[in-house]
Amino acid sequence: MFLENEKIKLRAVEPEDLDILYRWENNPSYWHAGELRTPYSKFALKQYILSAGQNIYENKQLRFMIELKTQNKTVGTIDLFDFDAFNSRVGVGLLIDKPYRENGLAEESLKLVEEFVFSYLKINQLYAHVAETNETSGKLFERCGFEKTCMLKDWISAENGFSDVILFQLFREKIIK
């Protein structure tokens, strides 16, 4: 079945996720991976949850919550964003809450999303922008079959100026044989 395996399931965002999203979105130590560097209000997050709609064709994005099946515990989120149906590509980003890292959950989540994107949505490619300094994420995408395809120079603002970003891409023909 799509979006789950023996250990985890990827599910839609629910109103009950407000507090955990509020904690993650307002944790400055997680901001380095995203585009925004400001906190979110609970009101803004409620509006996001209500408007998410889970229609990637309409919203151009889709967020899944990563849940441990045995504990019914939400441990992270994986996002599809900048969905471009015409060019058949979508960006991917993920967050595993710090206490649950280094347990293979990111890799398992990414594999489930790959299956969804390539087998169900029939999209040609997944891509990710990873800060060059984020070696852990770079290794994750490489383990999952993504290729480093280019370097975006001075792409993101960093503590001491600007930082390069590596573009990782995974193509459907490499997954679907």
Foldseek 3Di string as FASTA:
>chain_A
DFQDDPWKGWAADDPVCLVVCQVQQCDQVNPVQDDDRDHDDSVVVNVCSVPQPQDCVVPVKGKTFIATVVVRHTFKMKMWHNRDVVQQETEIDMDGHVVPPPPCSVLVNVVSVLCCSCVPVVGFKYKYKAWPVPVVVVVSLVVNPWDFDDKAPQPAQDPVGGTIITMTMDGNVVVPD
